Amino acid sequence: SHTDKRYAQLLEKIKILKNHMKIGDFASLIQDYEQILKMLEKLKTVVEQDGGPPKEFVKSICGLESFVDEMHQKHLEAKQNKGEKLTENKQRAFNTLRAKVRKGNKDFQTEIAHYNEHPSEFESDAAEEDDKSDSESSDDGGAKASSSSSSADSSSDSDSSSSDSDSDSSSDSDSDSGSDSDSDSSSGDSTYSSGSRSGDDDDEDAARERKMIRWLITDEVAAKKKKKEEDRGQREEKEKKPKKPTAKDKSREVEPREASKKEKEPDEYTPEQLVKKVTEIAQSRGRRNFDKKAYIDKLHQLMQHASKQGPRAQLYIYSTLVSADFDNTGSVFAAMKIELWNEALEKVIKMLPLLMESYKDLKDSGHDDKSIQAMADPDNEDPTAHPRQQELFISFVEKLDDELYKALQFTVDVYGAEYQEILGNSSKFLVVLKRTLHFFEETNQVQQLGVAALRLMEQLYYKPDVLNSAVYEAIQHSQSEEEKDQWVFPSDSCAFMSKLCRYVFAAG
């Protein structure tokens, strides 16, 4: 019957689910679990009459729940021991599967509890259901074999009857086997159970003859087949022939050439042309279909021209690049990705020597500190002006400090590898901060010195002197001989903090 067929499909899907559990295919397990729940929902009326879902179904969802719990425990152990981790897609699929199983199994808590208390009852019932299905299939085959044994050729009759029984039991049978199954079902199950013959021998012979004719190739069928092959061959020959280029295709070929000519860069840029070009590229940020990779490549190509024009042109390109890195810094409750943070830090490190060189060039050309600060006039439209680039550099340093603090703050597992990696980057930032402080001390720039001193105090004040001394000593080994003297933590840390406080107070 239709209900029996649905039961058989449910049991078959449960077998497939068990196979996917063996190979750990989490994505397929999600589909299998959802499908058996839908199948059981369609059998709701029968399930209520039987007093609950089939024992094999209960056993399968309990097994899946145990499997998910075991895998979750293994993943936690592997994470603690720094073992092999799942890929991102597999981890996402496993988390989805675990959530669905926990939610779906809530509707069967009574059956699951009964299974956990008496698992032997479910083992015996599962075996009985398998035996029952095997015996039913053998009875059907025997009944149909006996009904076809009255024909003249016994060997061919037995073969065709077995094929009939297979086609009747299949859910995807053809139209002829479908008519046979309809006649079998209309004759009633009682006919098969009593073992009596159903229908006339002539009807069975006619049905068998129709099936045999299907496989015979008549002249008419052969002609149709030959015509189809010829048509297919003609289509393939037409596809192989090269198409003549149309006027539209020619215009499409000309457009890229013209575009490439327009985009061809000049061999040399004047300072005004370079600034205009960088500004055009920078204005593409925030627009629709913004390609960051192409944006970075274009600016890097201009760097070779900027290096010929001095440090301020290079500073302008670097500040444009760093600004793009900070576009995706997240919100107040989301820290910047540590990979992007490191990329921005590398560019800021390259900016500091250029800033020193720019300041030195201005001093050598006869500018004093007041005239240099006058360049920061808002009416000055030069984006490469030294004060403007210096302000951007300080703002980048502050932004890096804020994002690093957020990353440490929002990392839950302080003993995990992620937290240790972020903590290791704090020493890189400390190097930048110390060099920045040293530069502003030498140039005696009060406002900028106060900002750098305040950030350095926040890095050192809340840590014990033993830890600060160990960090300084570790950094000292990676520095050049000229800078090693700067990386000796002062024995009198109170005096050092007082000095930094004076810098902050002087800045107001």
Protein backbone atom coordinates (compact mmCIF):
# COMPACT_ATOMS: atom_id res chain seq x y z
CA SER A 1 0.00 0.00 0.00
CA HIS A 2 0.96 3.70 -0.17
CA THR A 3 1.64 3.80 3.58
CA ASP A 4 3.92 0.74 3.40
CA LYS A 5 5.87 2.36 0.59
CA ARG A 6 6.40 5.49 2.70
CA TYR A 7 7.60 3.35 5.60
CA ALA A 8 10.06 1.63 3.29
CA GLN A 9 11.33 5.01 2.03
CA LEU A 10 11.78 6.20 5.63
CA LEU A 11 13.83 3.10 6.53
CA GLU A 12 15.93 3.54 3.38
CA LYS A 13 16.66 7.19 4.22
CA ILE A 14 17.68 6.13 7.77
CA LYS A 15 20.21 3.71 6.25
CA ILE A 16 21.63 6.54 4.12
CA LEU A 17 21.88 8.74 7.25
CA LYS A 18 23.90 6.04 9.03
CA ASN A 19 26.31 5.81 6.08
CA HIS A 20 26.85 9.59 6.15
CA MET A 21 27.56 9.35 9.89
CA LYS A 22 30.33 6.84 9.19
CA ILE A 23 32.13 9.16 6.76
CA GLY A 24 31.41 12.36 8.77
CA ASP A 25 29.57 14.18 5.96
CA PHE A 26 27.91 16.93 8.04
CA ALA A 27 26.27 18.74 5.10
CA SER A 28 24.54 15.54 3.92
CA LEU A 29 23.52 14.69 7.48
CA ILE A 30 21.64 17.99 7.72
CA GLN A 31 19.60 17.08 4.63
CA ASP A 32 19.04 13.49 5.79
CA TYR A 33 17.83 14.59 9.22
CA GLU A 34 15.41 17.15 7.78
CA GLN A 35 14.05 14.62 5.28
CA ILE A 36 13.30 11.88 7.83
CA LEU A 37 11.47 14.44 9.99
CA LYS A 38 9.36 15.45 6.96
CA MET A 39 8.68 11.78 6.11
CA LEU A 40 7.53 11.12 9.66
CA GLU A 41 5.25 14.17 9.51
CA LYS A 42 3.53 12.73 6.42
CA LEU A 43 2.91 9.50 8.36
CA LYS A 44 1.47 11.43 11.32
CA THR A 45 -1.93 9.70 11.25
CA VAL A 46 -0.43 6.20 11.12
CA VAL A 47 2.16 7.08 13.78
CA GLU A 48 -0.60 8.22 16.15
CA GLN A 49 -2.50 4.96 15.59
CA ASP A 50 0.63 2.90 16.29
CA GLY A 51 1.25 4.82 19.51
CA GLY A 52 4.45 6.59 18.46
CA PRO A 53 7.18 6.79 15.79
CA PRO A 54 8.89 3.62 14.51
CA LYS A 55 11.57 2.19 16.76
CA GLU A 56 14.13 2.40 13.95
CA PHE A 57 13.46 6.16 13.67
CA VAL A 58 13.97 6.68 17.42
CA LYS A 59 17.14 4.63 17.33
CA SER A 60 18.52 6.67 14.41
CA ILE A 61 17.91 10.12 15.98
CA CYS A 62 19.43 8.91 19.28
CA GLY A 63 22.47 7.65 17.40
CA LEU A 64 22.79 10.95 15.56
CA GLU A 65 22.58 12.91 18.80
CA SER A 66 25.31 10.74 20.38
CA PHE A 67 27.44 11.14 17.24
CA VAL A 68 27.13 14.94 17.35
CA ASP A 69 28.02 15.06 21.06
CA GLU A 70 31.10 12.87 20.52
CA MET A 71 32.31 14.97 17.60
CA HIS A 72 31.79 18.19 19.59
CA GLN A 73 33.86 16.78 22.46
CA LYS A 74 36.64 15.77 20.05
CA HIS A 75 36.72 19.26 18.53
CA LEU A 76 37.05 20.85 21.97
CA GLU A 77 39.92 18.51 22.89
CA ALA A 78 41.66 19.22 19.57
CA LYS A 79 41.31 22.96 20.14
CA GLN A 80 42.79 22.72 23.64
CA ASN A 81 45.69 20.54 22.45
CA LYS A 82 46.22 22.68 19.33
CA GLY A 83 45.43 19.67 17.17
CA GLU A 84 43.98 19.48 13.69
CA LYS A 85 41.00 21.79 13.19
CA LEU A 86 38.05 21.44 10.84
CA THR A 87 37.88 23.59 7.74
CA GLU A 88 35.67 26.66 7.88
CA ASN A 89 32.91 25.08 5.73
CA LYS A 90 32.93 21.84 7.73
CA GLN A 91 32.85 23.71 11.04
CA ARG A 92 29.88 25.79 9.86
CA ALA A 93 28.04 22.65 8.67
CA PHE A 94 28.73 20.85 11.96
CA ASN A 95 27.44 23.79 14.03
CA THR A 96 24.26 23.89 11.90
CA LEU A 97 23.77 20.13 12.29
CA ARG A 98 24.28 20.30 16.07
CA ALA A 99 21.73 23.11 16.41
CA LYS A 100 19.14 21.31 14.25
CA VAL A 101 19.53 18.01 16.14
CA ARG A 102 19.18 19.70 19.52
CA LYS A 103 16.07 21.54 18.35
CA GLY A 104 14.45 18.65 16.45
CA ASN A 105 15.01 16.02 19.13
CA LYS A 106 13.09 18.06 21.70
CA ASP A 107 9.83 16.73 20.21
CA PHE A 108 10.90 13.14 20.93
CA GLN A 109 12.31 13.42 24.45
CA THR A 110 9.98 10.71 25.81
CA GLU A 111 10.99 8.17 23.14
CA ILE A 112 14.70 9.07 23.51
CA ALA A 113 14.56 8.61 27.28
CA HIS A 114 12.86 5.21 26.81
CA TYR A 115 15.56 4.21 24.30
CA ASN A 116 18.35 5.17 26.70
CA GLU A 117 16.75 3.06 29.46
CA HIS A 118 15.86 0.01 27.34
CA PRO A 119 18.07 -0.08 24.21
CA SER A 120 17.62 -3.87 23.86
CA GLU A 121 13.93 -3.47 22.99
CA PHE A 122 14.80 -1.31 20.00
CA GLU A 123 17.47 -3.73 18.78
CA SER A 124 14.98 -6.63 18.63
CA ASP A 125 12.29 -4.51 16.94
CA ALA A 126 14.72 -3.31 14.31
CA ALA A 127 15.71 -6.91 13.50
CA GLU A 128 12.04 -7.95 13.27
CA GLU A 129 11.27 -5.10 10.87
CA ASP A 130 14.17 -6.14 8.60
CA ASP A 131 13.04 -9.79 8.64
CA LYS A 132 9.46 -8.76 7.94
CA SER A 133 10.44 -6.67 4.94
CA ASP A 134 12.62 -9.53 3.59
CA SER A 135 9.84 -12.10 4.01
CA GLU A 136 7.28 -9.83 2.32
CA SER A 137 9.52 -9.30 -0.66
CA SER A 138 10.15 -13.07 -0.99
CA ASP A 139 6.38 -13.83 -0.73
CA ASP A 140 5.58 -11.30 -3.45
CA GLY A 141 8.23 -12.77 -5.72
CA GLY A 142 6.96 -16.34 -5.15
CA ALA A 143 3.30 -15.42 -5.78
CA LYS A 144 4.08 -13.65 -9.03
CA ALA A 145 6.38 -16.45 -10.15
CA SER A 146 3.57 -19.02 -9.60
CA SER A 147 1.07 -16.84 -11.48
CA SER A 148 3.32 -16.82 -14.54
CA SER A 149 4.34 -20.52 -14.48
CA SER A 150 1.46 -21.63 -16.73
CA SER A 151 3.08 -20.31 -19.94
CA ALA A 152 4.79 -22.58 -22.48
CA ASP A 153 8.40 -21.54 -21.98
CA SER A 154 9.06 -21.97 -18.21
CA SER A 155 12.53 -20.39 -18.14
CA SER A 156 11.50 -17.20 -19.93
CA ASP A 157 8.34 -17.00 -17.80
CA SER A 158 10.29 -17.14 -14.56
CA ASP A 159 12.68 -14.43 -15.77
CA SER A 160 9.90 -12.10 -16.83
CA SER A 161 7.94 -12.67 -13.62
CA SER A 162 10.96 -11.79 -11.52
CA SER A 163 11.44 -8.63 -13.55
CA ASP A 164 7.74 -7.85 -13.06
CA SER A 165 8.07 -8.18 -9.31
CA ASP A 166 11.11 -5.91 -9.32
CA SER A 167 9.36 -3.27 -11.38
CA ASP A 168 6.25 -3.44 -9.17
CA SER A 169 8.31 -2.92 -6.00
CA SER A 170 10.23 0.02 -7.53
CA SER A 171 8.92 3.55 -7.07
CA ASP A 172 10.17 4.64 -10.54
CA SER A 173 8.56 1.97 -12.77
CA ASP A 174 7.46 2.62 -16.37
CA SER A 175 3.92 2.96 -17.67
CA ASP A 176 3.53 -0.77 -18.46
CA SER A 177 4.72 -1.94 -15.08
CA GLY A 178 2.51 0.77 -13.57
CA SER A 179 -0.55 -0.75 -15.26
CA ASP A 180 0.49 -4.18 -13.96
CA SER A 181 0.84 -2.86 -10.44
CA ASP A 182 -2.60 -1.24 -10.72
CA SER A 183 -4.17 -4.51 -11.78
CA ASP A 184 -2.37 -6.33 -9.00
CA SER A 185 -3.54 -3.83 -6.39
CA SER A 186 -7.13 -3.91 -7.71
CA SER A 187 -7.23 -7.73 -7.42
CA GLY A 188 -6.68 -7.32 -3.66
CA ASP A 189 -4.06 -8.45 -1.19
CA SER A 190 -6.24 -11.41 -0.18
CA THR A 191 -5.62 -13.02 -3.59
CA TYR A 192 -1.85 -13.06 -2.97
CA SER A 193 -2.17 -14.21 0.62
CA SER A 194 -4.31 -17.23 -0.34
CA GLY A 195 -1.94 -18.12 -3.15
CA SER A 196 -4.68 -18.26 -5.86
CA ARG A 197 -4.21 -17.06 -9.46
CA SER A 198 -5.39 -13.51 -10.30
CA GLY A 199 -6.60 -12.44 -13.80
CA ASP A 200 -6.72 -14.44 -17.01
CA ASP A 201 -3.69 -16.04 -18.63
CA ASP A 202 -4.44 -14.16 -21.83
CA ASP A 203 -4.11 -10.79 -20.10
CA GLU A 204 -0.76 -11.79 -18.61
CA ASP A 205 0.52 -13.03 -21.94
CA ALA A 206 -0.58 -9.79 -23.63
CA ALA A 207 1.16 -7.68 -21.00
CA ARG A 208 4.32 -9.77 -21.33
CA GLU A 209 4.20 -9.44 -25.12
CA ARG A 210 3.92 -5.65 -24.89
CA LYS A 211 7.02 -5.54 -22.69
CA MET A 212 9.00 -7.70 -25.08
CA ILE A 213 7.95 -5.57 -28.10
CA ARG A 214 9.42 -2.51 -26.38
CA TRP A 215 12.92 -3.92 -26.83
CA LEU A 216 12.43 -4.98 -30.48
CA ILE A 217 13.85 -2.60 -33.13
CA THR A 218 11.38 -2.39 -36.00
CA ASP A 219 12.05 -0.73 -39.38
CA GLU A 220 10.10 2.35 -38.33
CA VAL A 221 12.08 2.73 -35.10
CA ALA A 222 15.37 2.21 -36.94
CA ALA A 223 14.49 4.95 -39.45
CA LYS A 224 13.66 7.43 -36.66
CA LYS A 225 16.91 6.61 -34.88
CA LYS A 226 18.94 7.13 -38.06
CA LYS A 227 17.26 10.47 -38.74
CA LYS A 228 18.05 11.68 -35.20
CA GLU A 229 21.73 10.76 -35.62
CA GLU A 230 21.93 12.65 -38.94
CA ASP A 231 20.34 15.75 -37.40
CA ARG A 232 22.76 15.60 -34.48
CA GLY A 233 25.72 15.34 -36.84
CA GLN A 234 24.56 18.38 -38.84
CA ARG A 235 24.21 20.45 -35.67
CA GLU A 236 27.71 19.51 -34.54
CA GLU A 237 29.19 20.51 -37.92
CA LYS A 238 27.45 23.90 -37.75
CA GLU A 239 28.83 24.49 -34.27
CA LYS A 240 32.38 23.61 -35.36
CA LYS A 241 32.36 26.16 -38.21
CA PRO A 242 33.81 29.54 -37.15
CA LYS A 243 31.26 32.33 -37.06
CA LYS A 244 31.82 35.43 -39.16
CA PRO A 245 32.51 38.45 -36.96
CA THR A 246 29.62 40.87 -36.97
CA ALA A 247 29.83 44.66 -36.80
CA LYS A 248 28.98 44.53 -33.10
CA ASP A 249 31.86 42.09 -32.41
CA LYS A 250 34.28 44.34 -34.28
CA SER A 251 33.18 47.35 -32.26
CA ARG A 252 33.71 45.37 -29.06
CA GLU A 253 37.29 44.57 -30.12
CA VAL A 254 38.02 48.22 -30.88
CA GLU A 255 36.69 49.51 -27.52
CA PRO A 256 39.28 47.72 -25.29
CA ARG A 257 42.09 48.98 -27.53
CA GLU A 258 40.89 52.56 -27.22
CA ALA A 259 40.45 52.13 -23.46
CA SER A 260 43.98 50.72 -23.13
CA LYS A 261 45.35 53.71 -25.02
CA LYS A 262 43.54 56.08 -22.68
CA GLU A 263 44.76 54.22 -19.61
CA LYS A 264 48.37 54.15 -20.81
CA GLU A 265 50.38 55.91 -18.16
CA PRO A 266 52.93 58.60 -19.00
CA ASP A 267 56.60 57.88 -18.45
CA GLU A 268 57.02 60.78 -16.03
CA TYR A 269 54.65 62.73 -13.76
CA THR A 270 54.97 66.29 -12.62
CA PRO A 271 54.13 66.85 -8.89
CA GLU A 272 50.77 68.36 -9.84
CA GLN A 273 49.91 65.46 -12.17
CA LEU A 274 50.88 62.90 -9.55
CA VAL A 275 48.75 64.56 -6.85
CA LYS A 276 45.80 64.76 -9.24
CA LYS A 277 46.15 61.09 -10.19
CA VAL A 278 46.37 59.90 -6.56
CA THR A 279 43.38 62.06 -5.64
CA GLU A 280 41.31 60.53 -8.46
CA ILE A 281 42.14 57.02 -7.25
CA ALA A 282 41.40 57.95 -3.62
CA GLN A 283 37.95 59.27 -4.59
CA SER A 284 36.91 55.78 -5.76
CA ARG A 285 36.74 54.65 -2.12
CA GLY A 286 33.21 54.15 -0.90
CA ARG A 287 31.74 53.94 -4.39
CA ARG A 288 29.75 51.03 -5.72
CA ASN A 289 31.78 48.02 -6.98
CA PHE A 290 34.93 49.35 -5.27
CA ASP A 291 37.81 46.92 -5.89
CA LYS A 292 40.37 47.29 -3.10
CA LYS A 293 42.97 45.09 -4.81
CA ALA A 294 42.91 47.21 -7.98
CA TYR A 295 42.97 50.34 -5.79
CA ILE A 296 46.16 49.17 -4.03
CA ASP A 297 47.83 48.06 -7.29
CA LYS A 298 47.27 51.45 -8.91
CA LEU A 299 48.77 53.31 -5.94
CA HIS A 300 51.78 50.98 -5.79
CA GLN A 301 52.44 51.64 -9.48
CA LEU A 302 52.56 55.37 -8.73
CA MET A 303 55.01 54.84 -5.86
CA GLN A 304 57.99 54.60 -8.25
CA HIS A 305 57.14 58.07 -9.59
CA ALA A 306 56.61 59.44 -6.07
CA SER A 307 60.05 58.21 -4.93
CA LYS A 308 61.63 60.51 -7.54
CA GLN A 309 59.76 63.55 -6.20
CA GLY A 310 60.68 63.30 -2.52
CA PRO A 311 59.26 62.05 0.77
CA ARG A 312 56.04 64.09 0.86
CA ALA A 313 54.67 62.54 -2.35
CA GLN A 314 55.38 59.09 -0.92
CA LEU A 315 53.73 60.05 2.36
CA TYR A 316 50.60 61.10 0.47
CA ILE A 317 50.35 57.69 -1.25
CA TYR A 318 51.00 55.78 1.99
CA SER A 319 48.38 57.78 3.89
CA THR A 320 45.88 57.04 1.10
CA LEU A 321 46.66 53.33 1.38
CA VAL A 322 46.35 53.26 5.19
CA SER A 323 43.04 55.14 5.03
CA ALA A 324 41.66 52.32 2.85
CA ASP A 325 42.85 49.74 5.42
CA PHE A 326 40.88 51.51 8.15
CA ASP A 327 37.67 51.57 6.08
CA ASN A 328 36.71 48.10 7.38
CA THR A 329 37.57 48.52 11.04
CA GLY A 330 34.18 47.27 12.22
CA SER A 331 32.00 48.97 14.79
CA VAL A 332 32.42 49.89 18.44
CA PHE A 333 31.82 46.26 19.42
CA ALA A 334 33.84 44.66 16.62
CA ALA A 335 37.63 44.88 16.36
CA MET A 336 39.65 45.23 13.18
CA LYS A 337 40.88 41.93 11.73
CA ILE A 338 44.43 41.27 12.89
CA GLU A 339 45.61 40.63 9.29
CA LEU A 340 44.41 44.08 8.19
CA TRP A 341 45.88 45.59 11.36
CA ASN A 342 49.32 44.18 10.52
CA GLU A 343 49.09 45.48 6.93
CA ALA A 344 48.28 48.98 8.21
CA LEU A 345 51.10 48.77 10.78
CA GLU A 346 53.67 47.94 8.09
CA LYS A 347 52.67 51.02 6.08
CA VAL A 348 52.77 53.27 9.18
CA ILE A 349 56.27 51.95 9.96
CA LYS A 350 57.36 53.00 6.45
CA MET A 351 55.79 56.44 6.92
CA LEU A 352 57.91 57.41 9.96
CA PRO A 353 61.34 57.59 8.18
CA LEU A 354 59.69 59.56 5.36
CA LEU A 355 58.20 61.96 7.91
CA MET A 356 61.64 62.47 9.48
CA GLU A 357 63.16 63.07 6.04
CA SER A 358 60.42 65.58 5.14
CA TYR A 359 60.99 67.52 8.38
CA LYS A 360 64.75 67.55 7.79
CA ASP A 361 64.31 68.87 4.22
CA LEU A 362 62.14 71.72 5.48
CA LYS A 363 64.71 72.62 8.13
CA ASP A 364 67.55 72.51 5.61
CA SER A 365 65.62 74.81 3.28
CA GLY A 366 65.51 77.50 6.02
CA HIS A 367 62.04 76.96 7.54
CA ASP A 368 61.64 77.30 11.29
CA ASP A 369 58.99 75.55 13.40
CA LYS A 370 56.52 78.43 13.11
CA SER A 371 56.67 78.52 9.32
CA ILE A 372 56.31 74.76 9.19
CA GLN A 373 53.19 74.92 11.36
CA ALA A 374 51.84 77.72 9.15
CA MET A 375 51.67 75.20 6.32
CA ALA A 376 48.82 73.57 8.24
CA ASP A 377 46.56 76.50 7.33
CA PRO A 378 43.12 75.17 6.26
CA ASP A 379 43.28 77.41 3.20
CA ASN A 380 46.33 75.49 2.02
CA GLU A 381 44.99 72.98 -0.52
CA ASP A 382 48.22 71.01 -0.92
CA PRO A 383 47.44 67.45 0.32
CA THR A 384 51.17 66.65 0.47
CA ALA A 385 51.95 69.42 3.01
CA HIS A 386 54.14 68.20 5.86
CA PRO A 387 51.82 69.26 8.75
CA ARG A 388 48.84 67.53 7.12
CA GLN A 389 50.75 64.29 6.60
CA GLN A 390 52.11 64.48 10.16
CA GLU A 391 48.58 64.82 11.56
CA LEU A 392 47.46 61.82 9.52
CA PHE A 393 50.43 59.82 10.81
CA ILE A 394 49.53 60.58 14.45
CA SER A 395 45.88 59.71 13.85
CA PHE A 396 46.95 56.37 12.31
CA VAL A 397 49.09 55.59 15.38
CA GLU A 398 46.14 56.34 17.69
CA LYS A 399 43.80 54.24 15.54
CA LEU A 400 46.19 51.27 15.63
CA ASP A 401 46.36 51.54 19.43
CA ASP A 402 42.56 51.66 19.75
CA GLU A 403 41.98 48.69 17.44
CA LEU A 404 44.62 46.59 19.22
CA TYR A 405 42.97 47.30 22.58
CA LYS A 406 39.54 46.34 21.15
CA ALA A 407 40.94 43.10 19.75
CA LEU A 408 42.30 42.15 23.19
CA GLN A 409 39.07 43.22 24.88
CA PHE A 410 36.71 41.20 22.65
CA THR A 411 38.76 37.98 22.57
CA VAL A 412 36.97 35.61 24.95
CA ASP A 413 39.60 32.92 25.50
CA VAL A 414 42.60 34.65 27.07
CA TYR A 415 44.56 31.37 27.04
CA GLY A 416 43.87 30.67 23.37
CA ALA A 417 46.20 31.05 20.40
CA GLU A 418 44.25 34.02 19.01
CA TYR A 419 44.73 36.09 22.18
CA GLN A 420 48.44 35.22 22.32
CA GLU A 421 48.87 36.30 18.70
CA ILE A 422 47.20 39.65 19.35
CA LEU A 423 49.29 40.11 22.50
CA GLY A 424 52.46 39.43 20.49
CA ASN A 425 51.56 42.27 18.11
CA SER A 426 51.57 44.74 21.01
CA SER A 427 55.39 44.61 21.06
CA LYS A 428 55.45 45.61 17.35
CA PHE A 429 53.25 48.59 18.12
CA LEU A 430 55.44 49.50 21.11
CA VAL A 431 58.42 49.85 18.75
CA VAL A 432 56.49 52.29 16.52
CA LEU A 433 55.30 54.25 19.55
CA LYS A 434 58.79 54.56 21.04
CA ARG A 435 60.30 55.73 17.73
CA THR A 436 57.50 58.27 17.31
CA LEU A 437 58.13 59.63 20.82
CA HIS A 438 61.87 59.86 20.12
CA PHE A 439 61.26 61.79 16.87
CA PHE A 440 59.00 64.36 18.52
CA GLU A 441 61.45 64.72 21.44
CA GLU A 442 64.28 65.56 19.04
CA THR A 443 62.18 68.02 17.03
CA ASN A 444 60.58 69.49 20.20
CA GLN A 445 57.00 69.39 18.87
CA VAL A 446 54.97 69.79 22.06
CA GLN A 447 51.46 68.84 20.93
CA GLN A 448 52.49 65.74 19.03
CA LEU A 449 54.89 64.74 21.82
CA GLY A 450 52.04 64.85 24.36
CA VAL A 451 49.89 62.48 22.24
CA ALA A 452 52.72 59.97 21.83
CA ALA A 453 53.65 60.15 25.55
CA LEU A 454 50.06 59.50 26.63
CA ARG A 455 49.79 56.40 24.42
CA LEU A 456 53.13 55.08 25.71
CA MET A 457 52.02 55.58 29.32
CA GLU A 458 48.88 53.50 28.66
CA GLN A 459 51.08 50.71 27.32
CA LEU A 460 53.47 50.63 30.31
CA TYR A 461 51.71 52.01 33.38
CA TYR A 462 49.45 49.04 34.19
CA LYS A 463 52.18 46.40 33.76
CA PRO A 464 54.77 45.49 36.42
CA ASP A 465 58.35 46.66 35.94
CA VAL A 466 59.56 43.05 35.61
CA LEU A 467 57.28 42.48 32.61
CA ASN A 468 58.16 45.82 30.98
CA SER A 469 61.85 45.09 31.45
CA ALA A 470 61.47 41.65 29.84
CA VAL A 471 59.57 43.12 26.86
CA TYR A 472 62.22 45.82 26.36
CA GLU A 473 64.96 43.21 26.50
CA ALA A 474 63.20 40.99 23.93
CA ILE A 475 62.75 43.94 21.55
CA GLN A 476 66.39 45.00 22.02
CA HIS A 477 67.69 41.81 20.36
CA SER A 478 65.82 42.58 17.12
CA GLN A 479 66.95 46.22 16.86
CA SER A 480 69.99 47.74 15.14
CA GLU A 481 73.10 48.72 17.08
CA GLU A 482 72.11 52.39 16.94
CA GLU A 483 68.75 51.80 18.63
CA LYS A 484 69.75 49.19 21.22
CA ASP A 485 70.56 51.83 23.80
CA GLN A 486 66.97 53.11 23.65
CA TRP A 487 65.59 49.69 24.61
CA VAL A 488 66.88 49.47 28.16
CA PHE A 489 64.02 49.90 30.59
CA PRO A 490 64.95 52.57 33.19
CA SER A 491 65.67 51.29 36.67
CA ASP A 492 63.67 54.20 38.14
CA SER A 493 60.30 53.69 36.42
CA CYS A 494 58.66 56.41 38.56
CA ALA A 495 60.99 59.06 37.16
CA PHE A 496 60.32 57.81 33.63
CA MET A 497 56.53 58.02 34.12
CA SER A 498 56.90 61.51 35.61
CA LYS A 499 58.77 62.59 32.50
CA LEU A 500 55.98 61.29 30.27
CA CYS A 501 53.38 63.03 32.44
CA ARG A 502 55.17 66.37 31.97
CA TYR A 503 55.00 65.88 28.19
CA VAL A 504 51.24 65.30 28.45
CA PHE A 505 50.62 68.31 30.72
CA ALA A 506 52.70 70.57 28.48
CA ALA A 507 50.46 69.65 25.54
CA GLY A 508 47.44 70.78 27.56
